[in-house]
Amino acid sequence: MPGFVLLVRKRAAGELASADQAMRIGITVSKKVGNAVVRNRMKRRFRALAAEMLPEIGIAGADHVLIGRASGIERPFDDLRSDMAKALRKVAR
């Protein structure tokens, strides 16, 4: 089971500034996942994951939201990377 849920929403033409195709990222981790230390660790891992993968395979002009799940706390970073690639490929269709 992946350690996160990925939501992607393409911004409408009215929401885009002239030729603004920047990708935006939002990260949220609920208190149900753990205490502040655990949540902040997950957010740091998600930021690193997004910085690594979104420039290559993210969707231009879209908002990407990562919602952390409890299964992602101790999930190896390589597994998170493969989950992100799979999710982005699925969304791109």
PDB file of N, CA and C in Angstrom:
ATOM      1  N   MET A   1       0.849  -1.186   0.000  1.00  0.00           N
ATOM      2  CA  MET A   1       0.000   0.000   0.000  1.00  0.00           C
ATOM      3  C   MET A   1       0.889   1.241   0.000  1.00  0.00           C
ATOM      4  N   PRO A   2       0.606   2.210  -0.898  1.00  0.00           N
ATOM      5  CA  PRO A   2       1.447   3.413  -0.965  1.00  0.00           C
ATOM      6  C   PRO A   2       1.357   4.236   0.316  1.00  0.00           C
ATOM      7  N   GLY A   3       2.386   5.033   0.551  1.00  0.00           N
ATOM      8  CA  GLY A   3       2.440   5.852   1.755  1.00  0.00           C
ATOM      9  C   GLY A   3       1.766   7.192   1.600  1.00  0.00           C
ATOM     10  N   PHE A   4       1.100   7.412   0.470  1.00  0.00           N
ATOM     11  CA  PHE A   4       0.457   8.702   0.248  1.00  0.00           C
ATOM     12  C   PHE A   4      -0.651   8.559  -0.784  1.00  0.00           C
ATOM     13  N   VAL A   5      -1.463   9.603  -0.868  1.00  0.00           N
ATOM     14  CA  VAL A   5      -2.461   9.750  -1.919  1.00  0.00           C
ATOM     15  C   VAL A   5      -2.036  10.972  -2.719  1.00  0.00           C
ATOM     16  N   LEU A   6      -2.047  10.874  -4.022  1.00  0.00           N
ATOM     17  CA  LEU A   6      -1.676  11.995  -4.883  1.00  0.00           C
ATOM     18  C   LEU A   6      -2.916  12.519  -5.590  1.00  0.00           C
ATOM     19  N   LEU A   7      -3.171  13.812  -5.413  1.00  0.00           N
ATOM     20  CA  LEU A   7      -4.248  14.477  -6.132  1.00  0.00           C
ATOM     21  C   LEU A   7      -3.611  15.482  -7.080  1.00  0.00           C
ATOM     22  N   VAL A   8      -4.075  15.526  -8.313  1.00  0.00           N
ATOM     23  CA  VAL A   8      -3.551  16.476  -9.294  1.00  0.00           C
ATOM     24  C   VAL A   8      -4.733  17.191  -9.928  1.00  0.00           C
ATOM     25  N   ARG A   9      -4.643  18.504  -9.951  1.00  0.00           N
ATOM     26  CA  ARG A   9      -5.704  19.311 -10.556  1.00  0.00           C
ATOM     27  C   ARG A   9      -5.074  20.302 -11.514  1.00  0.00           C
ATOM     28  N   LYS A  10      -5.448  20.210 -12.769  1.00  0.00           N
ATOM     29  CA  LYS A  10      -4.963  21.133 -13.780  1.00  0.00           C
ATOM     30  C   LYS A  10      -5.634  22.482 -13.553  1.00  0.00           C
ATOM     31  N   ARG A  11      -4.846  23.554 -13.532  1.00  0.00           N
ATOM     32  CA  ARG A  11      -5.407  24.879 -13.317  1.00  0.00           C
ATOM     33  C   ARG A  11      -6.067  25.377 -14.600  1.00  0.00           C
ATOM     34  N   ALA A  12      -7.180  26.065 -14.442  1.00  0.00           N
ATOM     35  CA  ALA A  12      -7.917  26.604 -15.589  1.00  0.00           C
ATOM     36  C   ALA A  12      -7.160  27.779 -16.182  1.00  0.00           C
ATOM     37  N   ALA A  13      -7.498  28.135 -17.408  1.00  0.00           N
ATOM     38  CA  ALA A  13      -6.811  29.230 -18.104  1.00  0.00           C
ATOM     39  C   ALA A  13      -6.939  30.536 -17.335  1.00  0.00           C
ATOM     40  N   GLY A  14      -8.052  30.770 -16.670  1.00  0.00           N
ATOM     41  CA  GLY A  14      -8.237  31.990 -15.891  1.00  0.00           C
ATOM     42  C   GLY A  14      -7.362  32.043 -14.653  1.00  0.00           C
ATOM     43  N   GLU A  15      -6.955  30.897 -14.140  1.00  0.00           N
ATOM     44  CA  GLU A  15      -6.114  30.845 -12.950  1.00  0.00           C
ATOM     45  C   GLU A  15      -4.637  30.970 -13.287  1.00  0.00           C
ATOM     46  N   LEU A  16      -4.298  30.831 -14.557  1.00  0.00           N
ATOM     47  CA  LEU A  16      -2.903  30.888 -14.963  1.00  0.00           C
ATOM     48  C   LEU A  16      -2.524  32.310 -15.355  1.00  0.00           C
ATOM     49  N   ALA A  17      -1.403  32.756 -14.870  1.00  0.00           N
ATOM     50  CA  ALA A  17      -0.867  34.022 -15.355  1.00  0.00           C
ATOM     51  C   ALA A  17      -0.362  33.776 -16.775  1.00  0.00           C
ATOM     52  N   SER A  18       0.027  34.818 -17.453  1.00  0.00           N
ATOM     53  CA  SER A  18       0.460  34.643 -18.840  1.00  0.00           C
ATOM     54  C   SER A  18       1.622  33.656 -18.918  1.00  0.00           C
ATOM     55  N   ALA A  19       1.397  32.581 -19.627  1.00  0.00           N
ATOM     56  CA  ALA A  19       2.402  31.530 -19.877  1.00  0.00           C
ATOM     57  C   ALA A  19       2.947  30.921 -18.592  1.00  0.00           C
ATOM     58  N   ASP A  20       2.148  30.900 -17.525  1.00  0.00           N
ATOM     59  CA  ASP A  20       2.601  30.305 -16.267  1.00  0.00           C
ATOM     60  C   ASP A  20       2.279  28.824 -16.276  1.00  0.00           C
ATOM     61  N   GLN A  21       3.277  28.013 -16.490  1.00  0.00           N
ATOM     62  CA  GLN A  21       3.095  26.565 -16.497  1.00  0.00           C
ATOM     63  C   GLN A  21       3.777  25.924 -15.292  1.00  0.00           C
ATOM     64  N   ALA A  22       3.975  26.695 -14.242  1.00  0.00           N
ATOM     65  CA  ALA A  22       4.656  26.187 -13.055  1.00  0.00           C
ATOM     66  C   ALA A  22       3.815  25.117 -12.367  1.00  0.00           C
ATOM     67  N   MET A  23       4.499  24.121 -11.812  1.00  0.00           N
ATOM     68  CA  MET A  23       3.836  23.095 -11.028  1.00  0.00           C
ATOM     69  C   MET A  23       3.870  23.535  -9.576  1.00  0.00           C
ATOM     70  N   ARG A  24       2.738  23.378  -8.908  1.00  0.00           N
ATOM     71  CA  ARG A  24       2.698  23.720  -7.491  1.00  0.00           C
ATOM     72  C   ARG A  24       2.491  22.441  -6.692  1.00  0.00           C
ATOM     73  N   ILE A  25       3.008  22.447  -5.453  1.00  0.00           N
ATOM     74  CA  ILE A  25       2.921  21.266  -4.608  1.00  0.00           C
ATOM     75  C   ILE A  25       2.291  21.640  -3.270  1.00  0.00           C
ATOM     76  N   GLY A  26       1.431  20.783  -2.784  1.00  0.00           N
ATOM     77  CA  GLY A  26       0.844  20.925  -1.465  1.00  0.00           C
ATOM     78  C   GLY A  26       1.048  19.614  -0.723  1.00  0.00           C
ATOM     79  N   ILE A  27       1.375  19.708   0.562  1.00  0.00           N
ATOM     80  CA  ILE A  27       1.635  18.505   1.348  1.00  0.00           C
ATOM     81  C   ILE A  27       0.838  18.597   2.638  1.00  0.00           C
ATOM     82  N   THR A  28       0.146  17.531   2.971  1.00  0.00           N
ATOM     83  CA  THR A  28      -0.598  17.495   4.222  1.00  0.00           C
ATOM     84  C   THR A  28      -0.462  16.106   4.855  1.00  0.00           C
ATOM     85  N   VAL A  29      -0.307  16.106   6.162  1.00  0.00           N
ATOM     86  CA  VAL A  29      -0.234  14.863   6.927  1.00  0.00           C
ATOM     87  C   VAL A  29      -1.095  15.059   8.168  1.00  0.00           C
ATOM     88  N   SER A  30      -2.093  14.223   8.339  1.00  0.00           N
ATOM     89  CA  SER A  30      -3.059  14.335   9.416  1.00  0.00           C
ATOM     90  C   SER A  30      -2.461  13.942  10.770  1.00  0.00           C
ATOM     91  N   LYS A  31      -3.068  14.431  11.834  1.00  0.00           N
ATOM     92  CA  LYS A  31      -2.640  14.050  13.187  1.00  0.00           C
ATOM     93  C   LYS A  31      -2.877  12.568  13.460  1.00  0.00           C
ATOM     94  N   LYS A  32      -3.738  11.939  12.678  1.00  0.00           N
ATOM     95  CA  LYS A  32      -3.985  10.506  12.830  1.00  0.00           C
ATOM     96  C   LYS A  32      -2.727   9.695  12.518  1.00  0.00           C
ATOM     97  N   VAL A  33      -1.835  10.266  11.723  1.00  0.00           N
ATOM     98  CA  VAL A  33      -0.631   9.554  11.303  1.00  0.00           C
ATOM     99  C   VAL A  33       0.370   9.448  12.446  1.00  0.00           C
ATOM    100  N   GLY A  34       0.479  10.485  13.251  1.00  0.00           N
ATOM    101  CA  GLY A  34       1.442  10.446  14.350  1.00  0.00           C
ATOM    102  C   GLY A  34       1.615  11.813  14.976  1.00  0.00           C
ATOM    103  N   ASN A  35       2.602  11.895  15.862  1.00  0.00           N
ATOM    104  CA  ASN A  35       2.853  13.167  16.535  1.00  0.00           C
ATOM    105  C   ASN A  35       3.579  14.132  15.592  1.00  0.00           C
ATOM    106  N   ALA A  36       3.891  15.325  16.075  1.00  0.00           N
ATOM    107  CA  ALA A  36       4.469  16.371  15.228  1.00  0.00           C
ATOM    108  C   ALA A  36       5.799  15.947  14.621  1.00  0.00           C
ATOM    109  N   VAL A  37       6.595  15.210  15.366  1.00  0.00           N
ATOM    110  CA  VAL A  37       7.898  14.771  14.863  1.00  0.00           C
ATOM    111  C   VAL A  37       7.712  13.849  13.658  1.00  0.00           C
ATOM    112  N   VAL A  38       6.798  12.922  13.766  1.00  0.00           N
ATOM    113  CA  VAL A  38       6.528  11.973  12.675  1.00  0.00           C
ATOM    114  C   VAL A  38       5.961  12.703  11.469  1.00  0.00           C
ATOM    115  N   ARG A  39       4.997  13.586  11.701  1.00  0.00           N
ATOM    116  CA  ARG A  39       4.378  14.325  10.588  1.00  0.00           C
ATOM    117  C   ARG A  39       5.401  15.190   9.868  1.00  0.00           C
ATOM    118  N   ASN A  40       6.248  15.884  10.607  1.00  0.00           N
ATOM    119  CA  ASN A  40       7.257  16.737   9.978  1.00  0.00           C
ATOM    120  C   ASN A  40       8.283  15.919   9.202  1.00  0.00           C
ATOM    121  N   ARG A  41       8.636  14.744   9.718  1.00  0.00           N
ATOM    122  CA  ARG A  41       9.570  13.868   8.993  1.00  0.00           C
ATOM    123  C   ARG A  41       8.961  13.433   7.663  1.00  0.00           C
ATOM    124  N   MET A  42       7.685  13.073   7.698  1.00  0.00           N
ATOM    125  CA  MET A  42       7.017  12.674   6.461  1.00  0.00           C
ATOM    126  C   MET A  42       6.967  13.832   5.476  1.00  0.00           C
ATOM    127  N   LYS A  43       6.680  15.031   5.955  1.00  0.00           N
ATOM    128  CA  LYS A  43       6.618  16.186   5.068  1.00  0.00           C
ATOM    129  C   LYS A  43       7.976  16.475   4.440  1.00  0.00           C
ATOM    130  N   ARG A  44       9.049  16.320   5.202  1.00  0.00           N
ATOM    131  CA  ARG A  44      10.407  16.514   4.646  1.00  0.00           C
ATOM    132  C   ARG A  44      10.678  15.488   3.546  1.00  0.00           C
ATOM    133  N   ARG A  45      10.289  14.252   3.783  1.00  0.00           N
ATOM    134  CA  ARG A  45      10.487  13.207   2.776  1.00  0.00           C
ATOM    135  C   ARG A  45       9.660  13.498   1.525  1.00  0.00           C
ATOM    136  N   PHE A  46       8.437  13.965   1.704  1.00  0.00           N
ATOM    137  CA  PHE A  46       7.590  14.292   0.559  1.00  0.00           C
ATOM    138  C   PHE A  46       8.152  15.475  -0.228  1.00  0.00           C
ATOM    139  N   ARG A  47       8.681  16.484   0.469  1.00  0.00           N
ATOM    140  CA  ARG A  47       9.290  17.622  -0.234  1.00  0.00           C
ATOM    141  C   ARG A  47      10.483  17.169  -1.066  1.00  0.00           C
ATOM    142  N   ALA A  48      11.315  16.290  -0.496  1.00  0.00           N
ATOM    143  CA  ALA A  48      12.470  15.771  -1.238  1.00  0.00           C
ATOM    144  C   ALA A  48      11.999  14.954  -2.443  1.00  0.00           C
ATOM    145  N   LEU A  49      10.973  14.162  -2.264  1.00  0.00           N
ATOM    146  CA  LEU A  49      10.414  13.354  -3.349  1.00  0.00           C
ATOM    147  C   LEU A  49       9.871  14.246  -4.462  1.00  0.00           C
ATOM    148  N   ALA A  50       9.139  15.273  -4.093  1.00  0.00           N
ATOM    149  CA  ALA A  50       8.572  16.186  -5.087  1.00  0.00           C
ATOM    150  C   ALA A  50       9.669  16.951  -5.823  1.00  0.00           C
ATOM    151  N   ALA A  51      10.675  17.405  -5.107  1.00  0.00           N
ATOM    152  CA  ALA A  51      11.764  18.149  -5.740  1.00  0.00           C
ATOM    153  C   ALA A  51      12.514  17.280  -6.738  1.00  0.00           C
ATOM    154  N   GLU A  52      12.605  16.006  -6.453  1.00  0.00           N
ATOM    155  CA  GLU A  52      13.321  15.083  -7.327  1.00  0.00           C
ATOM    156  C   GLU A  52      12.499  14.676  -8.548  1.00  0.00           C
ATOM    157  N   MET A  53      11.202  14.441  -8.366  1.00  0.00           N
ATOM    158  CA  MET A  53      10.420  13.818  -9.425  1.00  0.00           C
ATOM    159  C   MET A  53       9.542  14.766 -10.228  1.00  0.00           C
ATOM    160  N   LEU A  54       8.991  15.784  -9.619  1.00  0.00           N
ATOM    161  CA  LEU A  54       8.047  16.637 -10.344  1.00  0.00           C
ATOM    162  C   LEU A  54       8.661  17.365 -11.535  1.00  0.00           C
ATOM    163  N   PRO A  55       9.892  17.876 -11.448  1.00  0.00           N
ATOM    164  CA  PRO A  55      10.434  18.532 -12.641  1.00  0.00           C
ATOM    165  C   PRO A  55      10.537  17.603 -13.844  1.00  0.00           C
ATOM    166  N   GLU A  56      10.730  16.318 -13.612  1.00  0.00           N
ATOM    167  CA  GLU A  56      10.886  15.357 -14.704  1.00  0.00           C
ATOM    168  C   GLU A  56       9.551  14.856 -15.236  1.00  0.00           C
ATOM    169  N   ILE A  57       8.659  14.408 -14.342  1.00  0.00           N
ATOM    170  CA  ILE A  57       7.446  13.751 -14.814  1.00  0.00           C
ATOM    171  C   ILE A  57       6.162  14.355 -14.262  1.00  0.00           C
ATOM    172  N   GLY A  58       6.261  15.533 -13.645  1.00  0.00           N
ATOM    173  CA  GLY A  58       5.068  16.205 -13.151  1.00  0.00           C
ATOM    174  C   GLY A  58       4.268  16.800 -14.298  1.00  0.00           C
ATOM    175  N   ILE A  59       3.083  17.276 -14.002  1.00  0.00           N
ATOM    176  CA  ILE A  59       2.199  17.842 -15.015  1.00  0.00           C
ATOM    177  C   ILE A  59       2.300  19.359 -14.945  1.00  0.00           C
ATOM    178  N   ALA A  60       2.739  19.961 -16.038  1.00  0.00           N
ATOM    179  CA  ALA A  60       2.927  21.405 -16.086  1.00  0.00           C
ATOM    180  C   ALA A  60       1.592  22.120 -15.935  1.00  0.00           C
ATOM    181  N   GLY A  61       1.588  23.216 -15.180  1.00  0.00           N
ATOM    182  CA  GLY A  61       0.381  24.003 -14.993  1.00  0.00           C
ATOM    183  C   GLY A  61      -0.647  23.337 -14.099  1.00  0.00           C
ATOM    184  N   ALA A  62      -0.197  22.438 -13.228  1.00  0.00           N
ATOM    185  CA  ALA A  62      -1.126  21.711 -12.359  1.00  0.00           C
ATOM    186  C   ALA A  62      -0.709  21.852 -10.899  1.00  0.00           C
ATOM    187  N   ASP A  63      -1.680  21.654 -10.027  1.00  0.00           N
ATOM    188  CA  ASP A  63      -1.437  21.613  -8.595  1.00  0.00           C
ATOM    189  C   ASP A  63      -1.347  20.143  -8.187  1.00  0.00           C
ATOM    190  N   HIS A  64      -0.278  19.786  -7.495  1.00  0.00           N
ATOM    191  CA  HIS A  64      -0.070  18.416  -7.016  1.00  0.00           C
ATOM    192  C   HIS A  64      -0.194  18.438  -5.495  1.00  0.00           C
ATOM    193  N   VAL A  65      -1.028  17.590  -4.934  1.00  0.00           N
ATOM    194  CA  VAL A  65      -1.222  17.519  -3.493  1.00  0.00           C
ATOM    195  C   VAL A  65      -0.894  16.113  -3.017  1.00  0.00           C
ATOM    196  N   LEU A  66       0.031  16.020  -2.065  1.00  0.00           N
ATOM    197  CA  LEU A  66       0.388  14.737  -1.452  1.00  0.00           C
ATOM    198  C   LEU A  66      -0.259  14.672  -0.072  1.00  0.00           C
ATOM    199  N   ILE A  67      -1.037  13.634   0.159  1.00  0.00           N
ATOM    200  CA  ILE A  67      -1.679  13.418   1.451  1.00  0.00           C
ATOM    201  C   ILE A  67      -1.012  12.206   2.089  1.00  0.00           C
ATOM    202  N   GLY A  68      -0.322  12.418   3.188  1.00  0.00           N
ATOM    203  CA  GLY A  68       0.414  11.349   3.845  1.00  0.00           C
ATOM    204  C   GLY A  68      -0.498  10.345   4.532  1.00  0.00           C
ATOM    205  N   ARG A  69      -0.130   9.098   4.455  1.00  0.00           N
ATOM    206  CA  ARG A  69      -0.851   8.013   5.108  1.00  0.00           C
ATOM    207  C   ARG A  69       0.075   7.321   6.099  1.00  0.00           C
ATOM    208  N   ALA A  70      -0.519   6.633   7.061  1.00  0.00           N
ATOM    209  CA  ALA A  70       0.262   5.988   8.114  1.00  0.00           C
ATOM    210  C   ALA A  70       1.236   4.956   7.560  1.00  0.00           C
ATOM    211  N   SER A  71       0.917   4.350   6.438  1.00  0.00           N
ATOM    212  CA  SER A  71       1.802   3.330   5.872  1.00  0.00           C
ATOM    213  C   SER A  71       3.089   3.934   5.315  1.00  0.00           C
ATOM    214  N   GLY A  72       3.156   5.252   5.194  1.00  0.00           N
ATOM    215  CA  GLY A  72       4.340   5.899   4.648  1.00  0.00           C
ATOM    216  C   GLY A  72       5.378   6.279   5.671  1.00  0.00           C
ATOM    217  N   ILE A  73       5.107   6.039   6.932  1.00  0.00           N
ATOM    218  CA  ILE A  73       6.022   6.487   7.983  1.00  0.00           C
ATOM    219  C   ILE A  73       7.397   5.844   7.835  1.00  0.00           C
ATOM    220  N   GLU A  74       7.443   4.549   7.738  1.00  0.00           N
ATOM    221  CA  GLU A  74       8.722   3.844   7.654  1.00  0.00           C
ATOM    222  C   GLU A  74       8.955   3.233   6.278  1.00  0.00           C
ATOM    223  N   ARG A  75       8.190   3.657   5.297  1.00  0.00           N
ATOM    224  CA  ARG A  75       8.344   3.108   3.943  1.00  0.00           C
ATOM    225  C   ARG A  75       9.669   3.571   3.358  1.00  0.00           C
ATOM    226  N   PRO A  76      10.441   2.680   2.772  1.00  0.00           N
ATOM    227  CA  PRO A  76      11.718   3.067   2.161  1.00  0.00           C
ATOM    228  C   PRO A  76      11.516   4.121   1.073  1.00  0.00           C
ATOM    229  N   PHE A  77      12.482   5.029   0.963  1.00  0.00           N
ATOM    230  CA  PHE A  77      12.369   6.134   0.015  1.00  0.00           C
ATOM    231  C   PHE A  77      12.283   5.630  -1.424  1.00  0.00           C
ATOM    232  N   ASP A  78      12.976   4.547  -1.737  1.00  0.00           N
ATOM    233  CA  ASP A  78      12.905   3.976  -3.092  1.00  0.00           C
ATOM    234  C   ASP A  78      11.487   3.511  -3.421  1.00  0.00           C
ATOM    235  N   ASP A  79      10.796   2.958  -2.423  1.00  0.00           N
ATOM    236  CA  ASP A  79       9.407   2.535  -2.639  1.00  0.00           C
ATOM    237  C   ASP A  79       8.500   3.747  -2.851  1.00  0.00           C
ATOM    238  N   LEU A  80       8.732   4.816  -2.076  1.00  0.00           N
ATOM    239  CA  LEU A  80       7.954   6.041  -2.271  1.00  0.00           C
ATOM    240  C   LEU A  80       8.199   6.605  -3.670  1.00  0.00           C
ATOM    241  N   ARG A  81       9.442   6.541  -4.112  1.00  0.00           N
ATOM    242  CA  ARG A  81       9.795   7.035  -5.447  1.00  0.00           C
ATOM    243  C   ARG A  81       9.047   6.244  -6.533  1.00  0.00           C
ATOM    244  N   SER A  82       9.012   4.929  -6.406  1.00  0.00           N
ATOM    245  CA  SER A  82       8.313   4.121  -7.409  1.00  0.00           C
ATOM    246  C   SER A  82       6.800   4.346  -7.329  1.00  0.00           C
ATOM    247  N   ASP A  83       6.258   4.538  -6.114  1.00  0.00           N
ATOM    248  CA  ASP A  83       4.836   4.838  -5.964  1.00  0.00           C
ATOM    249  C   ASP A  83       4.488   6.163  -6.631  1.00  0.00           C
ATOM    250  N   MET A  84       5.367   7.162  -6.476  1.00  0.00           N
ATOM    251  CA  MET A  84       5.130   8.484  -7.074  1.00  0.00           C
ATOM    252  C   MET A  84       5.176   8.390  -8.597  1.00  0.00           C
ATOM    253  N   ALA A  85       6.144   7.659  -9.124  1.00  0.00           N
ATOM    254  CA  ALA A  85       6.239   7.508 -10.580  1.00  0.00           C
ATOM    255  C   ALA A  85       4.990   6.827 -11.124  1.00  0.00           C
ATOM    256  N   LYS A  86       4.541   5.799 -10.450  1.00  0.00           N
ATOM    257  CA  LYS A  86       3.337   5.079 -10.881  1.00  0.00           C
ATOM    258  C   LYS A  86       2.113   5.988 -10.827  1.00  0.00           C
ATOM    259  N   ALA A  87       1.975   6.764  -9.749  1.00  0.00           N
ATOM    260  CA  ALA A  87       0.832   7.659  -9.616  1.00  0.00           C
ATOM    261  C   ALA A  87       0.846   8.751 -10.680  1.00  0.00           C
ATOM    262  N   LEU A  88       2.008   9.309 -10.961  1.00  0.00           N
ATOM    263  CA  LEU A  88       2.100  10.366 -11.981  1.00  0.00           C
ATOM    264  C   LEU A  88       1.819   9.830 -13.379  1.00  0.00           C
ATOM    265  N   ARG A  89       2.263   8.607 -13.652  1.00  0.00           N
ATOM    266  CA  ARG A  89       1.958   7.997 -14.950  1.00  0.00           C
ATOM    267  C   ARG A  89       0.457   7.774 -15.091  1.00  0.00           C
ATOM    268  N   LYS A  90      -0.175   7.337 -14.006  1.00  0.00           N
ATOM    269  CA  LYS A  90      -1.615   7.082 -14.027  1.00  0.00           C
ATOM    270  C   LYS A  90      -2.394   8.372 -14.241  1.00  0.00           C
ATOM    271  N   VAL A  91      -1.970   9.445 -13.600  1.00  0.00           N
ATOM    272  CA  VAL A  91      -2.651  10.729 -13.722  1.00  0.00           C
ATOM    273  C   VAL A  91      -2.446  11.326 -15.114  1.00  0.00           C
ATOM    274  N   ALA A  92      -1.309  11.089 -15.710  1.00  0.00           N
ATOM    275  CA  ALA A  92      -0.989  11.674 -17.017  1.00  0.00           C
ATOM    276  C   ALA A  92      -1.873  11.115 -18.132  1.00  0.00           C
ATOM    277  N   ARG A  93      -2.476   9.962 -17.915  1.00  0.00           N
ATOM    278  CA  ARG A  93      -3.336   9.365 -18.949  1.00  0.00           C
ATOM    279  C   ARG A  93      -4.583  10.138 -19.184  1.00  0.00           C
TER     280      ARG A  93
END
